[in-house]
């Protein structure tokens, strides 16, 4: 049976009052998963599936309390899952390890090694204040798409590697309990398959609309870079900085990059307070940049498993965000094909992302993007992936156009108008210039030092006015770009 969190806001409020025994502590409601468009997975247990004769998936039991709260059990039909069976992967070490996060309560999964007896190493979704050692698992391929989850436990100078087992011989509320407790070679109890849960549906058909002016703002806010002043800002100070730029732009839509997930809801509330006396008028959506999990590239159809890149300072995942009118109900992360990293002796991918949100009454699909870093010394040395990423955005624009939407793109594209892939005479961003018109075109003033890296593009049928580069801020290493686009009636 599909389960949802009824009265979710009340549930989160009550849950914050719960004190759980043993470290680490839970901060429920701290991560707002409904604002994120990141990859999600359901986790099938091989042993439980064989026992039941059908695919069985892992649940986070958030109805329990005390030291049983959020325990993971392999016990639900994989064809009838809900939020309890939905997990995201996160990483704060570039994919060397992965951390599970429950969609049901937004909390990270811990291996509880302070417990003893039959609950030693029990997995529980109960940690909210960042990723620690208890939350880090290696995902070890076992062939045929199956993986083992391995935890490294150190105590008293001794290090032991434990595989997570699904205890299918237990009874009652412990049946199928997940525990990090098996040493040696993993068997069927230690085998799991992570099935990606794809977003459902297509955007609703766009409405007919008269000619309209839309005021747009795009800014790389540099919230996770210790060299930027924005990194040191409190949440309240961060919101004030972005709201100030939004006020200068009188923005109707905002594209943000280098954004931390937990800032989404506070920013949404800050915009509503500033512009609309606190009324529910804005939505701030988020999509993560992701790291391929070490060793998984040959599995999962050859595409690897991906974990959301963590922001520092316990700010959730790292990626891009878009602020749109509250009418928005359809939004999707668009994963951009990206190069494998070759620096620091790594070979995993850092997969870049775009995020699109439909504003039906405008007949506009707003998309924010952050391209791979290109050029010598960076992951996309030849800028060939940047060119693919630009073309992919154009292709998505065509797709959305078939539903009646005009695309409005904004973002840090990490390339100037003249940067060209190695061996090509066509600039990286030429597909966008061929199909759209840019704010501040043809002046193309610099947005980072002496380089033009930040853009807003609108359909060629549109006209731009008042395009400005906001050199009045020193909080980020990028300057915001803002302007007004006039779209014809549709």
Protein backbone atom coordinates (compact mmCIF):
# COMPACT_ATOMS: atom_id res chain seq x y z
CA UNK A 1 0.00 0.00 0.00
CA UNK A 2 1.28 3.43 -0.92
CA UNK A 3 1.90 5.54 2.19
CA UNK A 4 2.19 9.30 2.37
CA UNK A 5 2.79 11.60 5.30
CA UNK A 6 -0.63 13.02 6.03
CA UNK A 7 -0.58 16.31 7.88
CA UNK A 8 3.08 16.49 6.97
CA UNK A 9 3.69 19.96 8.35
CA UNK A 10 2.27 18.96 11.74
CA UNK A 11 4.25 15.73 11.68
CA UNK A 12 7.52 17.57 11.08
CA UNK A 13 6.74 20.04 13.85
CA UNK A 14 6.06 17.25 16.33
CA UNK A 15 9.06 15.27 15.19
CA UNK A 16 11.46 18.10 15.95
CA UNK A 17 10.45 17.72 19.59
CA UNK A 18 11.55 14.07 19.71
CA UNK A 19 14.84 13.38 21.45
CA UNK A 20 16.46 10.21 20.20
CA UNK A 21 18.87 8.24 22.37
CA UNK A 22 22.53 7.99 21.39
CA UNK A 23 24.58 10.05 18.94
CA UNK A 24 24.07 11.28 16.29
CA UNK A 25 20.87 13.29 16.76
CA UNK A 26 17.95 13.84 14.38
CA UNK A 27 16.80 17.20 13.15
CA UNK A 28 13.54 16.31 11.44
CA UNK A 29 12.12 18.77 8.95
CA UNK A 30 15.66 20.10 8.41
CA UNK A 31 15.80 18.91 4.80
CA UNK A 32 12.79 19.60 2.60
CA UNK A 33 12.81 16.75 0.13
CA UNK A 34 9.70 17.94 -1.66
CA UNK A 35 11.69 20.90 -3.00
CA UNK A 36 14.37 18.69 -4.58
CA UNK A 37 14.33 17.15 -8.06
CA UNK A 38 17.29 14.84 -7.41
CA UNK A 39 17.53 11.15 -8.34
CA UNK A 40 15.59 8.78 -6.14
CA UNK A 41 15.94 5.02 -5.67
CA UNK A 42 14.05 2.05 -4.25
CA UNK A 43 16.23 -0.67 -2.70
CA UNK A 44 15.42 -4.31 -3.40
CA UNK A 45 16.67 -7.09 -1.11
CA UNK A 46 17.70 -10.24 -2.98
CA UNK A 47 17.11 -12.56 -0.02
CA UNK A 48 13.73 -11.10 0.88
CA UNK A 49 12.64 -11.25 -2.75
CA UNK A 50 13.62 -14.92 -3.01
CA UNK A 51 11.77 -15.70 0.21
CA UNK A 52 8.59 -13.92 -0.89
CA UNK A 53 8.70 -14.96 -4.54
CA UNK A 54 8.38 -11.36 -5.66
CA UNK A 55 10.55 -8.22 -5.46
CA UNK A 56 10.72 -6.91 -1.89
CA UNK A 57 12.04 -3.43 -1.09
CA UNK A 58 13.39 -1.68 1.98
CA UNK A 59 11.19 0.61 4.10
CA UNK A 60 12.12 3.27 6.66
CA UNK A 61 9.74 2.68 9.57
CA UNK A 62 9.05 6.22 10.68
CA UNK A 63 5.95 5.24 12.65
CA UNK A 64 8.18 3.76 15.36
CA UNK A 65 9.49 5.86 18.23
CA UNK A 66 12.52 6.03 20.47
CA UNK A 67 15.49 3.93 19.39
CA UNK A 68 13.31 2.09 16.86
CA UNK A 69 12.41 5.25 14.96
CA UNK A 70 13.25 5.08 11.26
CA UNK A 71 14.65 1.54 11.30
CA UNK A 72 15.13 0.00 7.84
CA UNK A 73 13.40 -3.29 7.00
CA UNK A 74 13.13 -5.30 3.78
CA UNK A 75 9.41 -5.97 3.80
CA UNK A 76 7.43 -4.05 1.11
CA UNK A 77 6.32 -5.17 -2.35
CA UNK A 78 8.55 -3.20 -4.73
CA UNK A 79 5.57 -2.61 -7.01
CA UNK A 80 3.64 -0.79 -4.28
CA UNK A 81 6.06 1.72 -2.82
CA UNK A 82 5.62 5.14 -1.28
CA UNK A 83 7.81 7.66 0.49
CA UNK A 84 8.89 5.08 3.12
CA UNK A 85 10.56 3.06 0.35
CA UNK A 86 12.10 6.02 -1.47
CA UNK A 87 15.73 7.02 -0.87
CA UNK A 88 18.28 9.42 -2.33
CA UNK A 89 22.04 8.91 -2.31
CA UNK A 90 24.34 11.65 -1.01
CA UNK A 91 28.10 12.02 -0.74
CA UNK A 92 30.55 14.40 0.90
CA UNK A 93 33.66 12.66 -0.43
CA UNK A 94 33.09 12.88 -4.20
CA UNK A 95 31.54 9.43 -4.49
CA UNK A 96 34.04 7.35 -2.50
CA UNK A 97 31.14 6.51 -0.19
CA UNK A 98 27.39 7.02 -0.30
CA UNK A 99 24.86 8.04 2.32
CA UNK A 100 21.20 7.06 2.14
CA UNK A 101 18.54 9.71 2.81
CA UNK A 102 14.92 8.78 3.42
CA UNK A 103 12.32 10.60 1.34
CA UNK A 104 9.77 10.06 4.13
CA UNK A 105 11.46 12.22 6.75
CA UNK A 106 14.44 13.78 4.97
CA UNK A 107 16.93 12.17 7.37
CA UNK A 108 20.18 10.32 6.68
CA UNK A 109 20.53 6.60 7.45
CA UNK A 110 22.92 5.72 10.29
CA UNK A 111 24.47 2.39 11.30
CA UNK A 112 23.82 2.28 15.04
CA UNK A 113 26.89 0.75 16.61
CA UNK A 114 26.06 1.98 20.11
CA UNK A 115 23.29 -0.67 20.26
CA UNK A 116 24.01 -4.23 21.31
CA UNK A 117 22.64 -7.70 20.75
CA UNK A 118 20.20 -8.17 17.88
CA UNK A 119 20.20 -4.44 17.13
CA UNK A 120 23.97 -3.95 16.89
CA UNK A 121 24.64 -2.05 13.65
CA UNK A 122 20.91 -1.49 12.94
CA UNK A 123 20.24 0.97 10.09
CA UNK A 124 17.94 3.87 10.95
CA UNK A 125 16.85 6.99 9.04
CA UNK A 126 17.37 9.45 11.87
CA UNK A 127 20.33 11.81 11.29
CA UNK A 128 19.66 15.38 10.17
CA UNK A 129 22.72 17.43 11.03
CA UNK A 130 25.09 16.45 8.23
CA UNK A 131 26.91 13.33 7.08
CA UNK A 132 29.21 11.69 9.65
CA UNK A 133 31.10 8.40 9.77
CA UNK A 134 28.02 6.41 10.84
CA UNK A 135 26.27 7.45 7.63
CA UNK A 136 28.96 6.45 5.12
CA UNK A 137 28.69 3.20 3.15
CA UNK A 138 30.70 1.76 0.30
CA UNK A 139 28.52 0.40 -2.50
CA UNK A 140 30.36 -2.72 -3.66
CA UNK A 141 29.30 -4.30 -7.00
CA UNK A 142 28.57 -8.03 -6.78
CA UNK A 143 27.56 -8.68 -10.40
CA UNK A 144 24.22 -8.82 -12.17
CA UNK A 145 23.29 -5.35 -10.96
CA UNK A 146 23.45 -6.39 -7.28
CA UNK A 147 25.44 -4.46 -4.70
CA UNK A 148 26.60 -4.94 -1.13
CA UNK A 149 26.61 -2.06 1.34
CA UNK A 150 29.80 -2.07 3.40
CA UNK A 151 30.45 -0.05 6.52
CA UNK A 152 33.89 0.48 8.10
CA UNK A 153 33.76 0.46 11.91
CA UNK A 154 36.74 1.54 13.98
CA UNK A 155 36.99 1.19 17.74
CA UNK A 156 39.89 0.76 20.15
CA UNK A 157 42.44 0.75 17.35
CA UNK A 158 40.61 -2.08 15.52
CA UNK A 159 38.95 -1.60 12.14
CA UNK A 160 36.27 -4.01 10.91
CA UNK A 161 34.35 -3.94 7.66
CA UNK A 162 30.73 -4.99 8.04
CA UNK A 163 28.29 -5.74 5.22
CA UNK A 164 24.65 -4.79 5.68
CA UNK A 165 22.35 -7.82 6.04
CA UNK A 166 18.59 -8.13 5.62
CA UNK A 167 17.64 -10.40 8.50
CA UNK A 168 14.87 -12.37 6.90
CA UNK A 169 14.87 -15.06 9.60
CA UNK A 170 13.89 -12.56 12.31
CA UNK A 171 10.26 -12.33 13.35
CA UNK A 172 7.74 -9.64 14.21
CA UNK A 173 8.89 -6.06 13.87
CA UNK A 174 12.49 -7.21 13.31
CA UNK A 175 11.68 -9.33 10.25
CA UNK A 176 13.89 -8.14 7.39
CA UNK A 177 15.75 -5.72 9.66
CA UNK A 178 18.83 -4.17 8.02
CA UNK A 179 21.99 -4.41 10.11
CA UNK A 180 25.67 -3.78 9.33
CA UNK A 181 26.99 -6.96 10.92
CA UNK A 182 28.35 -9.48 8.35
CA UNK A 183 32.10 -9.94 7.98
CA UNK A 184 33.78 -11.95 5.25
CA UNK A 185 32.15 -12.63 1.88
CA UNK A 186 28.64 -11.24 1.34
CA UNK A 187 25.85 -13.74 0.66
CA UNK A 188 22.29 -13.33 -0.56
CA UNK A 189 21.24 -11.59 2.66
CA UNK A 190 23.80 -8.88 1.84
CA UNK A 191 22.77 -8.26 -1.77
CA UNK A 192 20.68 -5.27 -2.79
CA UNK A 193 19.66 -3.68 -6.06
CA UNK A 194 19.03 0.06 -6.36
CA UNK A 195 16.27 0.76 -8.85
CA UNK A 196 16.02 4.34 -10.06
CA UNK A 197 12.57 5.89 -9.62
CA UNK A 198 11.99 8.08 -12.64
CA UNK A 199 9.85 11.20 -12.47
CA UNK A 200 6.43 10.63 -13.94
CA UNK A 201 4.46 12.62 -16.43
CA UNK A 202 4.98 15.48 -18.86
CA UNK A 203 4.27 19.17 -18.29
CA UNK A 204 0.66 20.25 -18.63
CA UNK A 205 -0.22 22.01 -21.86
CA UNK A 206 0.66 25.71 -21.73
CA UNK A 207 -2.11 28.28 -21.53
CA UNK A 208 -2.84 30.94 -24.11
CA UNK A 209 -1.41 34.23 -22.92
CA UNK A 210 -1.21 37.86 -24.05
CA UNK A 211 2.08 39.62 -24.68
CA UNK A 212 3.87 40.05 -21.38
CA UNK A 213 7.01 41.43 -19.79
CA UNK A 214 9.02 39.08 -17.55
CA UNK A 215 11.79 40.41 -15.35
CA UNK A 216 14.56 37.83 -14.97
CA UNK A 217 17.60 37.52 -12.71
CA UNK A 218 20.43 34.97 -12.91
CA UNK A 219 23.20 34.71 -10.32
CA UNK A 220 25.88 32.21 -9.31
CA UNK A 221 25.63 32.81 -5.56
CA UNK A 222 28.81 30.90 -4.60
CA UNK A 223 27.25 29.55 -1.39
CA UNK A 224 29.60 26.55 -1.09
CA UNK A 225 32.95 28.13 -1.94
CA UNK A 226 35.04 29.09 1.05
CA UNK A 227 36.78 31.83 -0.95
CA UNK A 228 33.47 33.71 -1.40
CA UNK A 229 31.97 35.92 1.33
CA UNK A 230 28.58 34.29 0.68
CA UNK A 231 29.97 31.04 2.12
CA UNK A 232 30.30 32.64 5.54
CA UNK A 233 26.83 34.15 5.57
CA UNK A 234 24.14 32.85 7.88
CA UNK A 235 20.94 31.61 6.27
CA UNK A 236 19.26 34.90 7.08
CA UNK A 237 22.14 36.91 5.61
CA UNK A 238 22.16 34.74 2.49
CA UNK A 239 18.44 35.29 1.97
CA UNK A 240 18.86 39.04 2.44
CA UNK A 241 21.60 39.16 -0.21
CA UNK A 242 19.53 37.30 -2.81
CA UNK A 243 16.33 39.19 -1.98
CA UNK A 244 18.25 42.46 -2.40
CA UNK A 245 19.28 41.46 -5.91
CA UNK A 246 15.74 40.27 -6.65
CA UNK A 247 14.40 43.64 -5.53
CA UNK A 248 16.82 45.49 -7.81
CA UNK A 249 15.69 43.33 -10.70
CA UNK A 250 12.03 43.45 -9.59
CA UNK A 251 12.33 39.80 -10.54
CA UNK A 252 9.49 37.57 -11.65
CA UNK A 253 11.81 34.57 -12.13
CA UNK A 254 15.25 33.87 -10.63
CA UNK A 255 17.93 31.44 -11.81
CA UNK A 256 20.53 30.47 -9.18
CA UNK A 257 23.70 28.36 -9.31
CA UNK A 258 26.14 27.03 -6.68
CA UNK A 259 23.14 26.83 -4.40
CA UNK A 260 22.68 24.74 -1.24
CA UNK A 261 19.48 22.75 -0.89
CA UNK A 262 18.51 23.82 2.64
CA UNK A 263 18.47 27.46 1.56
CA UNK A 264 15.51 26.87 -0.77
CA UNK A 265 12.66 27.16 1.71
CA UNK A 266 14.13 30.14 3.64
CA UNK A 267 14.67 31.97 0.33
CA UNK A 268 11.11 31.23 -0.75
CA UNK A 269 9.82 32.68 2.52
CA UNK A 270 12.15 35.68 2.22
CA UNK A 271 10.87 36.52 -1.26
CA UNK A 272 7.26 36.21 -0.11
CA UNK A 273 7.88 38.42 2.90
CA UNK A 274 9.60 41.10 0.82
CA UNK A 275 7.27 41.22 -2.15
CA UNK A 276 3.93 39.83 -1.00
CA UNK A 277 3.56 40.32 2.76
CA UNK A 278 4.22 36.65 3.40
CA UNK A 279 1.55 35.32 1.04
CA UNK A 280 2.19 31.99 -0.69
CA UNK A 281 3.33 33.43 -4.02
CA UNK A 282 6.75 31.85 -4.73
CA UNK A 283 8.19 28.38 -5.19
CA UNK A 284 11.94 27.77 -4.97
CA UNK A 285 12.89 24.43 -6.52
CA UNK A 286 16.27 22.67 -6.30
CA UNK A 287 18.25 20.09 -8.32
CA UNK A 288 21.62 18.61 -7.27
CA UNK A 289 24.91 18.19 -9.05
CA UNK A 290 25.88 14.53 -8.55
CA UNK A 291 28.95 12.33 -8.21
CA UNK A 292 29.16 8.86 -9.67
CA UNK A 293 29.61 6.35 -6.84
CA UNK A 294 33.03 4.73 -6.89
CA UNK A 295 33.10 1.38 -8.67
CA UNK A 296 29.51 1.41 -9.92
CA UNK A 297 30.12 2.62 -13.48
CA UNK A 298 29.94 -0.88 -14.95
CA UNK A 299 26.60 -1.54 -13.24
CA UNK A 300 23.16 0.06 -13.53
CA UNK A 301 23.09 -0.27 -17.32
CA UNK A 302 26.63 1.06 -17.59
CA UNK A 303 25.58 4.47 -16.29
CA UNK A 304 26.64 4.07 -12.68
CA UNK A 305 24.86 5.03 -9.48
CA UNK A 306 24.91 8.72 -8.58
CA UNK A 307 24.91 10.50 -5.24
CA UNK A 308 24.02 14.11 -4.63
CA UNK A 309 27.02 16.30 -3.90
CA UNK A 310 26.90 17.68 -0.35
CA UNK A 311 27.21 21.33 0.57
CA UNK A 312 29.45 22.19 3.48
CA UNK A 313 28.10 23.56 6.77
CA UNK A 314 25.16 21.12 6.89
CA UNK A 315 23.26 22.82 4.09
CA UNK A 316 22.04 19.71 2.29
CA UNK A 317 22.93 18.96 -1.32
CA UNK A 318 24.73 21.27 -3.77
CA UNK A 319 23.37 22.33 -7.15
CA UNK A 320 21.07 24.81 -8.86
CA UNK A 321 17.75 26.40 -7.96
CA UNK A 322 14.96 28.31 -9.63
CA UNK A 323 12.44 30.69 -8.05
CA UNK A 324 9.12 30.83 -9.92
CA UNK A 325 5.51 31.78 -9.21
CA UNK A 326 3.73 29.49 -6.74
CA UNK A 327 1.44 28.19 -9.48
CA UNK A 328 4.31 25.89 -10.50
CA UNK A 329 3.56 22.19 -9.99
CA UNK A 330 5.73 20.54 -12.69
CA UNK A 331 9.53 20.72 -12.45
CA UNK A 332 12.29 18.35 -13.51
CA UNK A 333 16.04 17.95 -13.12
CA UNK A 334 17.82 17.56 -16.45
CA UNK A 335 21.04 15.60 -16.06
CA UNK A 336 23.72 16.89 -18.42
CA UNK A 337 26.23 14.42 -19.87
CA UNK A 338 29.52 15.30 -18.22
CA UNK A 339 33.19 14.29 -18.41
CA UNK A 340 34.90 12.01 -15.99
CA UNK A 341 37.10 13.81 -13.53
CA UNK A 342 40.81 13.25 -14.07
CA UNK A 343 42.24 15.47 -11.36
CA UNK A 344 43.19 14.24 -7.89
CA UNK A 345 43.62 10.69 -9.28
CA UNK A 346 39.86 10.38 -9.78
CA UNK A 347 38.04 8.87 -12.72
CA UNK A 348 34.41 9.28 -11.60
CA UNK A 349 31.97 11.68 -13.17
CA UNK A 350 30.71 14.87 -11.60
CA UNK A 351 27.40 15.06 -13.46
CA UNK A 352 26.23 18.64 -13.98
CA UNK A 353 22.58 19.58 -14.04
CA UNK A 354 19.85 21.88 -15.23
CA UNK A 355 16.44 22.38 -13.63
CA UNK A 356 13.27 23.32 -15.50
CA UNK A 357 9.97 24.53 -14.05
CA UNK A 358 6.75 25.18 -15.96
CA UNK A 359 4.84 28.44 -15.52
CA UNK A 360 1.66 27.43 -17.29
CA UNK A 361 -0.11 30.81 -17.36
CA UNK A 362 2.95 32.45 -18.97
CA UNK A 363 3.47 29.60 -21.45
CA UNK A 364 7.09 29.69 -20.21
CA UNK A 365 9.45 26.89 -19.24
CA UNK A 366 12.11 28.43 -17.03
CA UNK A 367 15.42 26.53 -16.82
CA UNK A 368 18.55 27.17 -14.76
CA UNK A 369 21.83 25.42 -15.59
CA UNK A 370 25.43 25.08 -14.45
CA UNK A 371 27.74 23.64 -17.11
CA UNK A 372 30.94 21.68 -16.52
CA UNK A 373 34.10 23.73 -16.01
CA UNK A 374 36.05 23.79 -19.26
CA UNK A 375 39.54 24.47 -20.52
CA UNK A 376 43.07 23.26 -19.66
CA UNK A 377 43.34 22.04 -16.08
CA UNK A 378 39.60 21.44 -15.70
CA UNK A 379 37.47 18.33 -16.14
CA UNK A 380 36.20 19.33 -19.61
CA UNK A 381 39.63 20.11 -20.99
CA UNK A 382 38.54 20.27 -24.63
CA UNK A 383 35.14 21.91 -23.92
CA UNK A 384 33.45 19.18 -25.94
CA UNK A 385 31.01 18.34 -23.16
CA UNK A 386 30.09 22.00 -22.76
CA UNK A 387 29.08 22.04 -26.42
CA UNK A 388 26.97 18.91 -25.88
CA UNK A 389 25.35 20.48 -22.82
CA UNK A 390 24.40 23.59 -24.82
CA UNK A 391 22.88 21.50 -27.59
CA UNK A 392 20.99 19.40 -25.07
CA UNK A 393 19.36 22.52 -23.62
CA UNK A 394 18.28 23.51 -27.11
CA UNK A 395 16.82 20.04 -27.66
CA UNK A 396 14.89 20.27 -24.40
CA UNK A 397 13.57 23.64 -25.51
CA UNK A 398 12.22 22.04 -28.68
CA UNK A 399 10.62 19.29 -26.60
CA UNK A 400 8.92 21.79 -24.31
CA UNK A 401 7.91 23.87 -27.33
CA UNK A 402 5.87 20.91 -28.50
CA UNK A 403 3.76 21.42 -25.36
CA UNK A 404 3.35 25.11 -26.11
CA UNK A 405 6.10 26.49 -23.84
CA UNK A 406 8.66 29.20 -24.67
CA UNK A 407 12.01 28.44 -23.00
CA UNK A 408 13.74 30.98 -20.80
CA UNK A 409 17.25 29.79 -19.85
CA UNK A 410 19.53 31.30 -17.22
CA UNK A 411 22.77 30.11 -15.71
CA UNK A 412 26.51 29.93 -15.26
CA UNK A 413 27.59 28.21 -18.49
CA UNK A 414 31.33 28.38 -17.73
CA UNK A 415 32.18 29.50 -21.27
CA UNK A 416 32.47 32.86 -23.03
CA UNK A 417 30.70 33.53 -26.36
CA UNK A 418 34.01 32.81 -28.16
CA UNK A 419 35.23 29.72 -26.32
CA UNK A 420 35.48 26.89 -28.85
CA UNK A 421 35.96 23.13 -28.39
CA UNK A 422 39.33 21.71 -29.41
CA UNK A 423 39.30 20.80 -33.09
CA UNK A 424 36.13 22.76 -33.83
CA UNK A 425 35.41 26.16 -35.34
CA UNK A 426 31.95 26.39 -33.75
CA UNK A 427 31.82 28.13 -30.33
CA UNK A 428 30.52 26.16 -27.38
CA UNK A 429 27.39 28.29 -27.00
CA UNK A 430 26.57 28.62 -30.70
CA UNK A 431 23.51 26.32 -30.45
CA UNK A 432 22.00 28.71 -27.94
CA UNK A 433 22.84 31.79 -30.00
CA UNK A 434 21.35 30.12 -33.09
CA UNK A 435 18.04 29.50 -31.40
CA UNK A 436 17.69 32.19 -28.74
CA UNK A 437 18.50 35.80 -28.02
CA UNK A 438 20.63 36.74 -25.03
CA UNK A 439 20.18 39.43 -22.43
CA UNK A 440 23.05 41.93 -22.86
CA UNK A 441 23.71 40.68 -26.41
CA UNK A 442 25.79 41.81 -28.28
CA UNK A 443 27.59 43.75 -25.54
CA UNK A 444 28.20 40.58 -23.52
CA UNK A 445 29.75 42.31 -20.54
CA UNK A 446 31.88 40.31 -18.11
CA UNK A 447 30.17 38.57 -15.18
CA UNK A 448 33.25 37.05 -13.50
CA UNK A 449 36.46 39.04 -13.57
CA UNK A 450 37.10 39.75 -17.26
CA UNK A 451 34.97 36.83 -18.51
CA UNK A 452 31.37 36.62 -19.69
CA UNK A 453 30.16 33.33 -18.13
CA UNK A 454 26.59 34.05 -17.00
CA UNK A 455 23.61 34.30 -19.35
CA UNK A 456 19.87 34.59 -19.77
CA UNK A 457 18.45 33.42 -23.10
CA UNK A 458 14.92 33.92 -24.47
CA UNK A 459 13.26 32.89 -27.79
CA UNK A 460 14.27 34.87 -30.87
CA UNK A 461 10.69 36.19 -31.03
CA UNK A 462 11.32 38.01 -27.74
CA UNK A 463 13.01 41.37 -27.11
CA UNK A 464 15.23 42.35 -24.21
CA UNK A 465 15.43 45.68 -22.40
CA UNK A 466 17.24 47.04 -19.36
CA UNK A 467 19.89 44.31 -19.30
CA UNK A 468 22.32 45.05 -16.47
CA UNK A 469 25.31 43.38 -14.86
CA UNK A 470 25.04 43.91 -11.10
CA UNK A 471 28.61 44.81 -10.18
CA UNK A 472 27.27 46.25 -6.92
CA UNK A 473 27.82 42.97 -5.00
CA UNK A 474 31.04 41.53 -3.61
CA UNK A 475 29.50 38.49 -1.89
CA UNK A 476 30.07 36.08 -4.81
CA UNK A 477 32.82 35.61 -7.39
CA UNK A 478 30.14 36.17 -10.09
CA UNK A 479 28.01 39.23 -10.72
CA UNK A 480 24.27 38.87 -11.25
CA UNK A 481 22.72 39.52 -14.65
CA UNK A 482 19.20 40.95 -14.90
CA UNK A 483 16.86 42.25 -17.58
CA UNK A 484 13.29 42.41 -18.85
CA UNK A 485 12.12 40.22 -21.72
CA UNK A 486 9.00 40.94 -23.71
CA UNK A 487 7.32 37.79 -25.03
CA UNK A 488 4.67 38.02 -27.75
CA UNK A 489 1.17 36.72 -27.23
CA UNK A 490 0.71 33.03 -27.62
